[in-house]
Amino acid sequence: VQLVESGGGLVQTGGSLRLSCVASGRTDSIYTTAWFRQAPGKEREFVSVISWRTDTTDYRRSVKGRFTISRDNAKNTVYLQMNRLTSEDTAVYYCAAGRVAGTPFLESDFDSWGQGTQVTVSS
């Protein structure tokens, strides 16, 4: 499975961005797709996940109510709509796909990773 992210950029505090992750290759093997992020000098962290089988979603606490994950089956694409952005959301955002059912959130649960897209929130 190959993953390509897009949609990152520079936005002011309080603004919005929508990230996209297009999957290709053995997409029939995907159970879940997640977004992770890594801020400068920090470890990569889980942001959100969606199950391709049940559409069940999960989010890290700090983004609940502001971020929404969704997917378009026909386009093999997963989106992350990010609203009310703050400087704490500045990071490189990575898309990941895996074969673990449910709503996994560990990096080790995902087999395929994209290259990442930079999101910068300025005050």
PDB file of N, CA and C in Angstrom:
ATOM      1  N   VAL A   1       0.851  -1.189   0.000  1.00  0.00           N
ATOM      2  CA  VAL A   1       0.000   0.000   0.000  1.00  0.00           C
ATOM      3  C   VAL A   1       0.891   1.244   0.000  1.00  0.00           C
ATOM      4  N   GLN A   2       0.561   2.151  -0.901  1.00  0.00           N
ATOM      5  CA  GLN A   2       1.274   3.433  -0.942  1.00  0.00           C
ATOM      6  C   GLN A   2       0.304   4.535  -0.517  1.00  0.00           C
ATOM      7  N   LEU A   3       0.841   5.483   0.250  1.00  0.00           N
ATOM      8  CA  LEU A   3       0.026   6.570   0.780  1.00  0.00           C
ATOM      9  C   LEU A   3       0.659   7.903   0.410  1.00  0.00           C
ATOM     10  N   VAL A   4      -0.163   8.832  -0.047  1.00  0.00           N
ATOM     11  CA  VAL A   4       0.325  10.161  -0.395  1.00  0.00           C
ATOM     12  C   VAL A   4      -0.570  11.196   0.285  1.00  0.00           C
ATOM     13  N   GLU A   5       0.042  12.016   1.136  1.00  0.00           N
ATOM     14  CA  GLU A   5      -0.697  13.061   1.823  1.00  0.00           C
ATOM     15  C   GLU A   5      -0.601  14.387   1.060  1.00  0.00           C
ATOM     16  N   SER A   6      -1.595  15.218   1.271  1.00  0.00           N
ATOM     17  CA  SER A   6      -1.576  16.571   0.733  1.00  0.00           C
ATOM     18  C   SER A   6      -2.474  17.443   1.591  1.00  0.00           C
ATOM     19  N   GLY A   7      -2.395  18.754   1.355  1.00  0.00           N
ATOM     20  CA  GLY A   7      -3.300  19.666   2.039  1.00  0.00           C
ATOM     21  C   GLY A   7      -2.685  20.477   3.160  1.00  0.00           C
ATOM     22  N   GLY A   8      -1.438  20.198   3.485  1.00  0.00           N
ATOM     23  CA  GLY A   8      -0.798  20.975   4.531  1.00  0.00           C
ATOM     24  C   GLY A   8      -0.504  22.389   4.060  1.00  0.00           C
ATOM     25  N   GLY A   9      -0.079  23.225   5.002  1.00  0.00           N
ATOM     26  CA  GLY A   9       0.251  24.595   4.650  1.00  0.00           C
ATOM     27  C   GLY A   9       0.358  25.474   5.864  1.00  0.00           C
ATOM     28  N   LEU A  10       0.372  26.773   5.615  1.00  0.00           N
ATOM     29  CA  LEU A  10       0.471  27.770   6.671  1.00  0.00           C
ATOM     30  C   LEU A  10      -0.908  28.396   6.885  1.00  0.00           C
ATOM     31  N   VAL A  11      -1.335  28.436   8.138  1.00  0.00           N
ATOM     32  CA  VAL A  11      -2.655  28.985   8.457  1.00  0.00           C
ATOM     33  C   VAL A  11      -2.552  29.748   9.769  1.00  0.00           C
ATOM     34  N   GLN A  12      -3.403  30.728   9.937  1.00  0.00           N
ATOM     35  CA  GLN A  12      -3.394  31.502  11.178  1.00  0.00           C
ATOM     36  C   GLN A  12      -4.167  30.775  12.268  1.00  0.00           C
ATOM     37  N   THR A  13      -3.873  31.135  13.494  1.00  0.00           N
ATOM     38  CA  THR A  13      -4.603  30.576  14.640  1.00  0.00           C
ATOM     39  C   THR A  13      -6.098  30.776  14.450  1.00  0.00           C
ATOM     40  N   GLY A  14      -6.833  29.699  14.682  1.00  0.00           N
ATOM     41  CA  GLY A  14      -8.271  29.742  14.505  1.00  0.00           C
ATOM     42  C   GLY A  14      -8.734  29.321  13.126  1.00  0.00           C
ATOM     43  N   GLY A  15      -7.798  29.144  12.216  1.00  0.00           N
ATOM     44  CA  GLY A  15      -8.134  28.767  10.855  1.00  0.00           C
ATOM     45  C   GLY A  15      -8.361  27.276  10.688  1.00  0.00           C
ATOM     46  N   SER A  16      -8.562  26.868   9.441  1.00  0.00           N
ATOM     47  CA  SER A  16      -8.871  25.474   9.120  1.00  0.00           C
ATOM     48  C   SER A  16      -8.012  24.981   7.960  1.00  0.00           C
ATOM     49  N   LEU A  17      -7.802  23.677   7.962  1.00  0.00           N
ATOM     50  CA  LEU A  17      -7.145  22.992   6.842  1.00  0.00           C
ATOM     51  C   LEU A  17      -7.789  21.628   6.695  1.00  0.00           C
ATOM     52  N   ARG A  18      -7.756  21.098   5.482  1.00  0.00           N
ATOM     53  CA  ARG A  18      -8.202  19.727   5.276  1.00  0.00           C
ATOM     54  C   ARG A  18      -7.065  18.945   4.630  1.00  0.00           C
ATOM     55  N   LEU A  19      -6.623  17.912   5.324  1.00  0.00           N
ATOM     56  CA  LEU A  19      -5.587  17.037   4.804  1.00  0.00           C
ATOM     57  C   LEU A  19      -6.229  15.868   4.071  1.00  0.00           C
ATOM     58  N   SER A  20      -5.553  15.406   3.034  1.00  0.00           N
ATOM     59  CA  SER A  20      -6.023  14.245   2.273  1.00  0.00           C
ATOM     60  C   SER A  20      -4.930  13.189   2.249  1.00  0.00           C
ATOM     61  N   CYS A  21      -5.353  11.934   2.222  1.00  0.00           N
ATOM     62  CA  CYS A  21      -4.421  10.806   2.134  1.00  0.00           C
ATOM     63  C   CYS A  21      -4.997   9.842   1.100  1.00  0.00           C
ATOM     64  N   VAL A  22      -4.306   9.722  -0.021  1.00  0.00           N
ATOM     65  CA  VAL A  22      -4.755   8.833  -1.087  1.00  0.00           C
ATOM     66  C   VAL A  22      -3.976   7.525  -1.011  1.00  0.00           C
ATOM     67  N   ALA A  23      -4.714   6.430  -0.976  1.00  0.00           N
ATOM     68  CA  ALA A  23      -4.096   5.105  -0.906  1.00  0.00           C
ATOM     69  C   ALA A  23      -4.144   4.435  -2.268  1.00  0.00           C
ATOM     70  N   SER A  24      -3.065   3.708  -2.583  1.00  0.00           N
ATOM     71  CA  SER A  24      -3.020   2.949  -3.828  1.00  0.00           C
ATOM     72  C   SER A  24      -2.339   1.610  -3.545  1.00  0.00           C
ATOM     73  N   GLY A  25      -2.426   0.710  -4.512  1.00  0.00           N
ATOM     74  CA  GLY A  25      -1.857  -0.623  -4.321  1.00  0.00           C
ATOM     75  C   GLY A  25      -2.895  -1.565  -3.734  1.00  0.00           C
ATOM     76  N   ARG A  26      -2.489  -2.373  -2.742  1.00  0.00           N
ATOM     77  CA  ARG A  26      -3.377  -3.375  -2.160  1.00  0.00           C
ATOM     78  C   ARG A  26      -4.328  -2.737  -1.139  1.00  0.00           C
ATOM     79  N   THR A  27      -5.188  -1.877  -1.612  1.00  0.00           N
ATOM     80  CA  THR A  27      -6.097  -1.167  -0.695  1.00  0.00           C
ATOM     81  C   THR A  27      -7.122  -2.103  -0.066  1.00  0.00           C
ATOM     82  N   ASP A  28      -7.350  -3.257  -0.691  1.00  0.00           N
ATOM     83  CA  ASP A  28      -8.295  -4.214  -0.103  1.00  0.00           C
ATOM     84  C   ASP A  28      -7.751  -4.822   1.182  1.00  0.00           C
ATOM     85  N   SER A  29      -6.465  -4.621   1.455  1.00  0.00           N
ATOM     86  CA  SER A  29      -5.871  -5.161   2.681  1.00  0.00           C
ATOM     87  C   SER A  29      -5.948  -4.181   3.852  1.00  0.00           C
ATOM     88  N   ILE A  30      -6.450  -2.985   3.586  1.00  0.00           N
ATOM     89  CA  ILE A  30      -6.484  -1.956   4.633  1.00  0.00           C
ATOM     90  C   ILE A  30      -7.692  -2.161   5.549  1.00  0.00           C
ATOM     91  N   TYR A  31      -7.441  -2.201   6.857  1.00  0.00           N
ATOM     92  CA  TYR A  31      -8.521  -2.230   7.843  1.00  0.00           C
ATOM     93  C   TYR A  31      -8.742  -0.849   8.438  1.00  0.00           C
ATOM     94  N   THR A  32      -7.655  -0.150   8.700  1.00  0.00           N
ATOM     95  CA  THR A  32      -7.761   1.161   9.327  1.00  0.00           C
ATOM     96  C   THR A  32      -6.756   2.124   8.720  1.00  0.00           C
ATOM     97  N   THR A  33      -7.103   3.399   8.765  1.00  0.00           N
ATOM     98  CA  THR A  33      -6.182   4.466   8.375  1.00  0.00           C
ATOM     99  C   THR A  33      -6.164   5.494   9.488  1.00  0.00           C
ATOM    100  N   ALA A  34      -4.980   5.959   9.806  1.00  0.00           N
ATOM    101  CA  ALA A  34      -4.830   6.902  10.903  1.00  0.00           C
ATOM    102  C   ALA A  34      -3.983   8.093  10.483  1.00  0.00           C
ATOM    103  N   TRP A  35      -4.119   9.132  11.244  1.00  0.00           N
ATOM    104  CA  TRP A  35      -3.240  10.295  11.141  1.00  0.00           C
ATOM    105  C   TRP A  35      -2.407  10.380  12.416  1.00  0.00           C
ATOM    106  N   PHE A  36      -1.119  10.582  12.220  1.00  0.00           N
ATOM    107  CA  PHE A  36      -0.194  10.867  13.315  1.00  0.00           C
ATOM    108  C   PHE A  36       0.444  12.217  13.022  1.00  0.00           C
ATOM    109  N   ARG A  37       1.095  12.794  14.007  1.00  0.00           N
ATOM    110  CA  ARG A  37       1.813  14.043  13.778  1.00  0.00           C
ATOM    111  C   ARG A  37       3.075  14.080  14.618  1.00  0.00           C
ATOM    112  N   GLN A  38       4.039  14.842  14.135  1.00  0.00           N
ATOM    113  CA  GLN A  38       5.285  15.002  14.867  1.00  0.00           C
ATOM    114  C   GLN A  38       5.699  16.463  14.841  1.00  0.00           C
ATOM    115  N   ALA A  39       5.701  17.062  16.010  1.00  0.00           N
ATOM    116  CA  ALA A  39       6.136  18.446  16.155  1.00  0.00           C
ATOM    117  C   ALA A  39       7.649  18.476  16.331  1.00  0.00           C
ATOM    118  N   PRO A  40       8.281  19.611  16.039  1.00  0.00           N
ATOM    119  CA  PRO A  40       9.738  19.712  16.176  1.00  0.00           C
ATOM    120  C   PRO A  40      10.195  19.359  17.584  1.00  0.00           C
ATOM    121  N   GLY A  41      11.156  18.461  17.678  1.00  0.00           N
ATOM    122  CA  GLY A  41      11.710  18.078  18.961  1.00  0.00           C
ATOM    123  C   GLY A  41      10.839  17.162  19.794  1.00  0.00           C
ATOM    124  N   LYS A  42       9.759  16.678  19.215  1.00  0.00           N
ATOM    125  CA  LYS A  42       8.848  15.814  19.975  1.00  0.00           C
ATOM    126  C   LYS A  42       8.664  14.476  19.279  1.00  0.00           C
ATOM    127  N   GLU A  43       8.136  13.512  20.045  1.00  0.00           N
ATOM    128  CA  GLU A  43       7.847  12.199  19.487  1.00  0.00           C
ATOM    129  C   GLU A  43       6.611  12.286  18.598  1.00  0.00           C
ATOM    130  N   ARG A  44       6.535  11.352  17.653  1.00  0.00           N
ATOM    131  CA  ARG A  44       5.331  11.283  16.825  1.00  0.00           C
ATOM    132  C   ARG A  44       4.179  10.805  17.691  1.00  0.00           C
ATOM    133  N   GLU A  45       2.995  11.386  17.486  1.00  0.00           N
ATOM    134  CA  GLU A  45       1.841  11.040  18.306  1.00  0.00           C
ATOM    135  C   GLU A  45       0.613  10.775  17.453  1.00  0.00           C
ATOM    136  N   PHE A  46      -0.243   9.932  17.995  1.00  0.00           N
ATOM    137  CA  PHE A  46      -1.510   9.597  17.358  1.00  0.00           C
ATOM    138  C   PHE A  46      -2.428  10.804  17.356  1.00  0.00           C
ATOM    139  N   VAL A  47      -3.168  10.994  16.234  1.00  0.00           N
ATOM    140  CA  VAL A  47      -4.144  12.068  16.140  1.00  0.00           C
ATOM    141  C   VAL A  47      -5.561  11.512  15.997  1.00  0.00           C
ATOM    142  N   SER A  48      -5.751  10.640  14.999  1.00  0.00           N
ATOM    143  CA  SER A  48      -7.098  10.139  14.741  1.00  0.00           C
ATOM    144  C   SER A  48      -7.005   8.871  13.914  1.00  0.00           C
ATOM    145  N   VAL A  49      -8.063   8.066  13.959  1.00  0.00           N
ATOM    146  CA  VAL A  49      -8.102   6.807  13.202  1.00  0.00           C
ATOM    147  C   VAL A  49      -9.519   6.539  12.735  1.00  0.00           C
ATOM    148  N   ILE A  50      -9.631   5.863  11.591  1.00  0.00           N
ATOM    149  CA  ILE A  50     -10.938   5.452  11.082  1.00  0.00           C
ATOM    150  C   ILE A  50     -10.852   4.028  10.575  1.00  0.00           C
ATOM    151  N   SER A  51     -11.881   3.255  10.889  1.00  0.00           N
ATOM    152  CA  SER A  51     -11.955   1.877  10.416  1.00  0.00           C
ATOM    153  C   SER A  51     -12.604   1.852   9.041  1.00  0.00           C
ATOM    154  N   TRP A  52     -11.969   1.135   8.092  1.00  0.00           N
ATOM    155  CA  TRP A  52     -12.553   1.026   6.762  1.00  0.00           C
ATOM    156  C   TRP A  52     -13.701   0.031   6.745  1.00  0.00           C
ATOM    157  N   ARG A  53     -13.816  -0.793   7.760  1.00  0.00           N
ATOM    158  CA  ARG A  53     -14.876  -1.805   7.806  1.00  0.00           C
ATOM    159  C   ARG A  53     -16.137  -1.252   8.457  1.00  0.00           C
ATOM    160  N   THR A  54     -15.968  -0.453   9.516  1.00  0.00           N
ATOM    161  CA  THR A  54     -17.140  -0.023  10.306  1.00  0.00           C
ATOM    162  C   THR A  54     -17.325   1.489  10.351  1.00  0.00           C
ATOM    163  N   ASP A  55     -16.345   2.247   9.839  1.00  0.00           N
ATOM    164  CA  ASP A  55     -16.359   3.714   9.927  1.00  0.00           C
ATOM    165  C   ASP A  55     -16.252   4.218  11.363  1.00  0.00           C
ATOM    166  N   THR A  56     -15.907   3.362  12.275  1.00  0.00           N
ATOM    167  CA  THR A  56     -15.674   3.804  13.649  1.00  0.00           C
ATOM    168  C   THR A  56     -14.453   4.715  13.674  1.00  0.00           C
ATOM    169  N   THR A  57     -14.529   5.769  14.480  1.00  0.00           N
ATOM    170  CA  THR A  57     -13.429   6.724  14.565  1.00  0.00           C
ATOM    171  C   THR A  57     -12.984   6.921  16.005  1.00  0.00           C
ATOM    172  N   ASP A  58     -11.789   7.452  16.141  1.00  0.00           N
ATOM    173  CA  ASP A  58     -11.281   7.812  17.459  1.00  0.00           C
ATOM    174  C   ASP A  58     -10.309   8.974  17.291  1.00  0.00           C
ATOM    175  N   TYR A  59     -10.157   9.748  18.371  1.00  0.00           N
ATOM    176  CA  TYR A  59      -9.315  10.943  18.327  1.00  0.00           C
ATOM    177  C   TYR A  59      -8.520  11.074  19.616  1.00  0.00           C
ATOM    178  N   ARG A  60      -7.371  11.751  19.518  1.00  0.00           N
ATOM    179  CA  ARG A  60      -6.689  12.100  20.755  1.00  0.00           C
ATOM    180  C   ARG A  60      -7.490  13.211  21.399  1.00  0.00           C
ATOM    181  N   ARG A  61      -7.399  13.286  22.713  1.00  0.00           N
ATOM    182  CA  ARG A  61      -8.266  14.182  23.465  1.00  0.00           C
ATOM    183  C   ARG A  61      -8.130  15.631  23.023  1.00  0.00           C
ATOM    184  N   SER A  62      -6.930  16.077  22.717  1.00  0.00           N
ATOM    185  CA  SER A  62      -6.708  17.502  22.427  1.00  0.00           C
ATOM    186  C   SER A  62      -7.310  17.961  21.105  1.00  0.00           C
ATOM    187  N   VAL A  63      -7.721  17.035  20.247  1.00  0.00           N
ATOM    188  CA  VAL A  63      -8.296  17.439  18.956  1.00  0.00           C
ATOM    189  C   VAL A  63      -9.780  17.109  18.854  1.00  0.00           C
ATOM    190  N   LYS A  64     -10.322  16.410  19.840  1.00  0.00           N
ATOM    191  CA  LYS A  64     -11.751  16.062  19.808  1.00  0.00           C
ATOM    192  C   LYS A  64     -12.584  17.323  19.739  1.00  0.00           C
ATOM    193  N   GLY A  65     -13.572  17.320  18.848  1.00  0.00           N
ATOM    194  CA  GLY A  65     -14.434  18.476  18.677  1.00  0.00           C
ATOM    195  C   GLY A  65     -13.888  19.498  17.691  1.00  0.00           C
ATOM    196  N   ARG A  66     -12.613  19.372  17.327  1.00  0.00           N
ATOM    197  CA  ARG A  66     -12.020  20.302  16.348  1.00  0.00           C
ATOM    198  C   ARG A  66     -11.650  19.589  15.049  1.00  0.00           C
ATOM    199  N   PHE A  67     -11.217  18.346  15.142  1.00  0.00           N
ATOM    200  CA  PHE A  67     -10.789  17.581  13.967  1.00  0.00           C
ATOM    201  C   PHE A  67     -11.842  16.527  13.643  1.00  0.00           C
ATOM    202  N   THR A  68     -12.005  16.248  12.345  1.00  0.00           N
ATOM    203  CA  THR A  68     -12.923  15.207  11.902  1.00  0.00           C
ATOM    204  C   THR A  68     -12.237  14.356  10.842  1.00  0.00           C
ATOM    205  N   ILE A  69     -12.222  13.059  11.068  1.00  0.00           N
ATOM    206  CA  ILE A  69     -11.657  12.132  10.088  1.00  0.00           C
ATOM    207  C   ILE A  69     -12.797  11.506   9.302  1.00  0.00           C
ATOM    208  N   SER A  70     -12.590  11.331   8.005  1.00  0.00           N
ATOM    209  CA  SER A  70     -13.619  10.727   7.163  1.00  0.00           C
ATOM    210  C   SER A  70     -12.932  10.036   5.994  1.00  0.00           C
ATOM    211  N   ARG A  71     -13.706   9.295   5.221  1.00  0.00           N
ATOM    212  CA  ARG A  71     -13.100   8.628   4.083  1.00  0.00           C
ATOM    213  C   ARG A  71     -14.070   8.571   2.920  1.00  0.00           C
ATOM    214  N   ASP A  72     -13.512   8.460   1.720  1.00  0.00           N
ATOM    215  CA  ASP A  72     -14.275   8.339   0.482  1.00  0.00           C
ATOM    216  C   ASP A  72     -13.835   7.031  -0.163  1.00  0.00           C
ATOM    217  N   ASN A  73     -14.702   6.033  -0.083  1.00  0.00           N
ATOM    218  CA  ASN A  73     -14.354   4.711  -0.609  1.00  0.00           C
ATOM    219  C   ASN A  73     -13.981   4.755  -2.075  1.00  0.00           C
ATOM    220  N   ALA A  74     -14.780   5.464  -2.834  1.00  0.00           N
ATOM    221  CA  ALA A  74     -14.591   5.468  -4.288  1.00  0.00           C
ATOM    222  C   ALA A  74     -13.236   6.042  -4.675  1.00  0.00           C
ATOM    223  N   LYS A  75     -12.716   6.936  -3.843  1.00  0.00           N
ATOM    224  CA  LYS A  75     -11.442   7.581  -4.153  1.00  0.00           C
ATOM    225  C   LYS A  75     -10.286   7.001  -3.348  1.00  0.00           C
ATOM    226  N   ASN A  76     -10.566   6.001  -2.502  1.00  0.00           N
ATOM    227  CA  ASN A  76      -9.523   5.437  -1.625  1.00  0.00           C
ATOM    228  C   ASN A  76      -8.793   6.545  -0.872  1.00  0.00           C
ATOM    229  N   THR A  77      -9.569   7.482  -0.392  1.00  0.00           N
ATOM    230  CA  THR A  77      -8.998   8.672   0.234  1.00  0.00           C
ATOM    231  C   THR A  77      -9.562   8.856   1.641  1.00  0.00           C
ATOM    232  N   VAL A  78      -8.673   9.220   2.556  1.00  0.00           N
ATOM    233  CA  VAL A  78      -9.060   9.561   3.922  1.00  0.00           C
ATOM    234  C   VAL A  78      -8.732  11.041   4.135  1.00  0.00           C
ATOM    235  N   TYR A  79      -9.647  11.735   4.792  1.00  0.00           N
ATOM    236  CA  TYR A  79      -9.482  13.166   5.028  1.00  0.00           C
ATOM    237  C   TYR A  79      -9.349  13.440   6.528  1.00  0.00           C
ATOM    238  N   LEU A  80      -8.687  14.537   6.827  1.00  0.00           N
ATOM    239  CA  LEU A  80      -8.664  15.044   8.195  1.00  0.00           C
ATOM    240  C   LEU A  80      -9.008  16.519   8.123  1.00  0.00           C
ATOM    241  N   GLN A  81     -10.228  16.846   8.490  1.00  0.00           N
ATOM    242  CA  GLN A  81     -10.661  18.235   8.553  1.00  0.00           C
ATOM    243  C   GLN A  81     -10.235  18.800   9.902  1.00  0.00           C
ATOM    244  N   MET A  82      -9.454  19.866   9.873  1.00  0.00           N
ATOM    245  CA  MET A  82      -8.922  20.446  11.106  1.00  0.00           C
ATOM    246  C   MET A  82      -9.435  21.874  11.241  1.00  0.00           C
ATOM    247  N   ASN A  83     -10.183  22.128  12.297  1.00  0.00           N
ATOM    248  CA  ASN A  83     -10.757  23.446  12.559  1.00  0.00           C
ATOM    249  C   ASN A  83     -10.192  24.020  13.852  1.00  0.00           C
ATOM    250  N   ARG A  84     -10.340  25.324  14.004  1.00  0.00           N
ATOM    251  CA  ARG A  84      -9.884  26.033  15.218  1.00  0.00           C
ATOM    252  C   ARG A  84      -8.453  25.651  15.565  1.00  0.00           C
ATOM    253  N   LEU A  85      -7.605  25.758  14.574  1.00  0.00           N
ATOM    254  CA  LEU A  85      -6.209  25.362  14.758  1.00  0.00           C
ATOM    255  C   LEU A  85      -5.475  26.300  15.694  1.00  0.00           C
ATOM    256  N   THR A  86      -4.544  25.735  16.447  1.00  0.00           N
ATOM    257  CA  THR A  86      -3.691  26.520  17.346  1.00  0.00           C
ATOM    258  C   THR A  86      -2.229  26.179  17.053  1.00  0.00           C
ATOM    259  N   SER A  87      -1.346  26.932  17.676  1.00  0.00           N
ATOM    260  CA  SER A  87       0.089  26.694  17.465  1.00  0.00           C
ATOM    261  C   SER A  87       0.487  25.290  17.927  1.00  0.00           C
ATOM    262  N   GLU A  88      -0.267  24.732  18.856  1.00  0.00           N
ATOM    263  CA  GLU A  88       0.021  23.381  19.345  1.00  0.00           C
ATOM    264  C   GLU A  88      -0.210  22.318  18.275  1.00  0.00           C
ATOM    265  N   ASP A  89      -0.916  22.675  17.210  1.00  0.00           N
ATOM    266  CA  ASP A  89      -1.181  21.727  16.125  1.00  0.00           C
ATOM    267  C   ASP A  89      -0.092  21.748  15.061  1.00  0.00           C
ATOM    268  N   THR A  90       0.866  22.661  15.178  1.00  0.00           N
ATOM    269  CA  THR A  90       1.959  22.722  14.216  1.00  0.00           C
ATOM    270  C   THR A  90       2.777  21.444  14.271  1.00  0.00           C
ATOM    271  N   ALA A  91       2.900  20.775  13.121  1.00  0.00           N
ATOM    272  CA  ALA A  91       3.615  19.497  13.067  1.00  0.00           C
ATOM    273  C   ALA A  91       3.636  19.005  11.629  1.00  0.00           C
ATOM    274  N   VAL A  92       4.420  17.962  11.411  1.00  0.00           N
ATOM    275  CA  VAL A  92       4.305  17.201  10.174  1.00  0.00           C
ATOM    276  C   VAL A  92       3.256  16.126  10.421  1.00  0.00           C
ATOM    277  N   TYR A  93       2.282  16.057   9.559  1.00  0.00           N
ATOM    278  CA  TYR A  93       1.186  15.097   9.703  1.00  0.00           C
ATOM    279  C   TYR A  93       1.409  13.928   8.751  1.00  0.00           C
ATOM    280  N   TYR A  94       1.316  12.723   9.306  1.00  0.00           N
ATOM    281  CA  TYR A  94       1.543  11.498   8.553  1.00  0.00           C
ATOM    282  C   TYR A  94       0.264  10.676   8.489  1.00  0.00           C
ATOM    283  N   CYS A  95       0.030  10.099   7.334  1.00  0.00           N
ATOM    284  CA  CYS A  95      -1.042   9.142   7.150  1.00  0.00           C
ATOM    285  C   CYS A  95      -0.449   7.741   7.275  1.00  0.00           C
ATOM    286  N   ALA A  96      -1.205   6.825   7.897  1.00  0.00           N
ATOM    287  CA  ALA A  96      -0.730   5.460   8.072  1.00  0.00           C
ATOM    288  C   ALA A  96      -1.885   4.498   7.852  1.00  0.00           C
ATOM    289  N   ALA A  97      -1.584   3.339   7.276  1.00  0.00           N
ATOM    290  CA  ALA A  97      -2.609   2.323   7.026  1.00  0.00           C
ATOM    291  C   ALA A  97      -2.162   0.999   7.629  1.00  0.00           C
ATOM    292  N   GLY A  98      -3.139   0.250   8.139  1.00  0.00           N
ATOM    293  CA  GLY A  98      -2.788  -1.015   8.770  1.00  0.00           C
ATOM    294  C   GLY A  98      -3.872  -2.050   8.653  1.00  0.00           C
ATOM    295  N   ARG A  99      -3.566  -3.244   9.153  1.00  0.00           N
ATOM    296  CA  ARG A  99      -4.464  -4.390   9.059  1.00  0.00           C
ATOM    297  C   ARG A  99      -4.981  -4.842  10.412  1.00  0.00           C
ATOM    298  N   VAL A 100      -4.843  -3.976  11.424  1.00  0.00           N
ATOM    299  CA  VAL A 100      -5.387  -4.287  12.744  1.00  0.00           C
ATOM    300  C   VAL A 100      -6.804  -3.763  12.816  1.00  0.00           C
ATOM    301  N   ALA A 101      -7.735  -4.616  13.189  1.00  0.00           N
ATOM    302  CA  ALA A 101      -9.138  -4.217  13.263  1.00  0.00           C
ATOM    303  C   ALA A 101      -9.384  -3.294  14.450  1.00  0.00           C
ATOM    304  N   GLY A 102     -10.553  -2.660  14.431  1.00  0.00           N
ATOM    305  CA  GLY A 102     -10.914  -1.768  15.527  1.00  0.00           C
ATOM    306  C   GLY A 102     -10.391  -0.373  15.280  1.00  0.00           C
ATOM    307  N   THR A 103      -9.964   0.273  16.347  1.00  0.00           N
ATOM    308  CA  THR A 103      -9.413   1.628  16.245  1.00  0.00           C
ATOM    309  C   THR A 103      -8.053   1.675  16.923  1.00  0.00           C
ATOM    310  N   PRO A 104      -7.073   1.066  16.292  1.00  0.00           N
ATOM    311  CA  PRO A 104      -5.729   1.054  16.880  1.00  0.00           C
ATOM    312  C   PRO A 104      -5.110   2.437  16.890  1.00  0.00           C
ATOM    313  N   PHE A 105      -4.124   2.632  17.762  1.00  0.00           N
ATOM    314  CA  PHE A 105      -3.512   3.946  17.871  1.00  0.00           C
ATOM    315  C   PHE A 105      -2.002   3.896  18.076  1.00  0.00           C
ATOM    316  N   LEU A 106      -1.432   2.693  18.052  1.00  0.00           N
ATOM    317  CA  LEU A 106       0.009   2.569  18.200  1.00  0.00           C
ATOM    318  C   LEU A 106       0.670   2.565  16.827  1.00  0.00           C
ATOM    319  N   GLU A 107       1.850   3.154  16.723  1.00  0.00           N
ATOM    320  CA  GLU A 107       2.550   3.167  15.446  1.00  0.00           C
ATOM    321  C   GLU A 107       2.792   1.756  14.926  1.00  0.00           C
ATOM    322  N   SER A 108       3.040   0.836  15.838  1.00  0.00           N
ATOM    323  CA  SER A 108       3.337  -0.540  15.448  1.00  0.00           C
ATOM    324  C   SER A 108       2.132  -1.250  14.847  1.00  0.00           C
ATOM    325  N   ASP A 109       0.938  -0.674  14.982  1.00  0.00           N
ATOM    326  CA  ASP A 109      -0.271  -1.271  14.395  1.00  0.00           C
ATOM    327  C   ASP A 109      -0.423  -0.941  12.919  1.00  0.00           C
ATOM    328  N   PHE A 110       0.474  -0.113  12.388  1.00  0.00           N
ATOM    329  CA  PHE A 110       0.338   0.349  11.009  1.00  0.00           C
ATOM    330  C   PHE A 110       1.556  -0.059  10.187  1.00  0.00           C
ATOM    331  N   ASP A 111       1.273  -0.564   8.978  1.00  0.00           N
ATOM    332  CA  ASP A 111       2.334  -1.115   8.130  1.00  0.00           C
ATOM    333  C   ASP A 111       2.844  -0.128   7.086  1.00  0.00           C
ATOM    334  N   SER A 112       1.967   0.760   6.639  1.00  0.00           N
ATOM    335  CA  SER A 112       2.321   1.648   5.543  1.00  0.00           C
ATOM    336  C   SER A 112       2.205   3.097   6.002  1.00  0.00           C
ATOM    337  N   TRP A 113       3.170   3.904   5.567  1.00  0.00           N
ATOM    338  CA  TRP A 113       3.216   5.301   5.986  1.00  0.00           C
ATOM    339  C   TRP A 113       3.450   6.209   4.780  1.00  0.00           C
ATOM    340  N   GLY A 114       2.844   7.381   4.840  1.00  0.00           N
ATOM    341  CA  GLY A 114       3.113   8.391   3.832  1.00  0.00           C
ATOM    342  C   GLY A 114       4.346   9.194   4.201  1.00  0.00           C
ATOM    343  N   GLN A 115       4.685  10.153   3.333  1.00  0.00           N
ATOM    344  CA  GLN A 115       5.881  10.972   3.531  1.00  0.00           C
ATOM    345  C   GLN A 115       5.646  12.123   4.493  1.00  0.00           C
ATOM    346  N   GLY A 116       4.406  12.468   4.702  1.00  0.00           N
ATOM    347  CA  GLY A 116       4.082  13.554   5.626  1.00  0.00           C
ATOM    348  C   GLY A 116       3.796  14.856   4.906  1.00  0.00           C
ATOM    349  N   THR A 117       3.010  15.689   5.555  1.00  0.00           N
ATOM    350  CA  THR A 117       2.699  17.015   5.035  1.00  0.00           C
ATOM    351  C   THR A 117       2.784  18.006   6.204  1.00  0.00           C
ATOM    352  N   GLN A 118       3.427  19.134   5.957  1.00  0.00           N
ATOM    353  CA  GLN A 118       3.683  20.101   7.015  1.00  0.00           C
ATOM    354  C   GLN A 118       2.466  20.983   7.263  1.00  0.00           C
ATOM    355  N   VAL A 119       2.100  21.116   8.517  1.00  0.00           N
ATOM    356  CA  VAL A 119       1.053  22.050   8.932  1.00  0.00           C
ATOM    357  C   VAL A 119       1.691  23.039   9.899  1.00  0.00           C
ATOM    358  N   THR A 120       1.590  24.317   9.568  1.00  0.00           N
ATOM    359  CA  THR A 120       2.155  25.359  10.420  1.00  0.00           C
ATOM    360  C   THR A 120       1.053  26.349  10.767  1.00  0.00           C
ATOM    361  N   VAL A 121       0.845  26.552  12.069  1.00  0.00           N
ATOM    362  CA  VAL A 121      -0.178  27.479  12.543  1.00  0.00           C
ATOM    363  C   VAL A 121       0.535  28.660  13.166  1.00  0.00           C
ATOM    364  N   SER A 122       0.283  29.832  12.606  1.00  0.00           N
ATOM    365  CA  SER A 122       0.948  31.039  13.106  1.00  0.00           C
ATOM    366  C   SER A 122      -0.012  31.864  13.945  1.00  0.00           C
ATOM    367  N   SER A 123       0.554  32.552  14.929  1.00  0.00           N
ATOM    368  CA  SER A 123      -0.286  33.366  15.816  1.00  0.00           C
ATOM    369  C   SER A 123      -0.398  34.785  15.310  1.00  0.00           C
TER     370      SER A 123
END
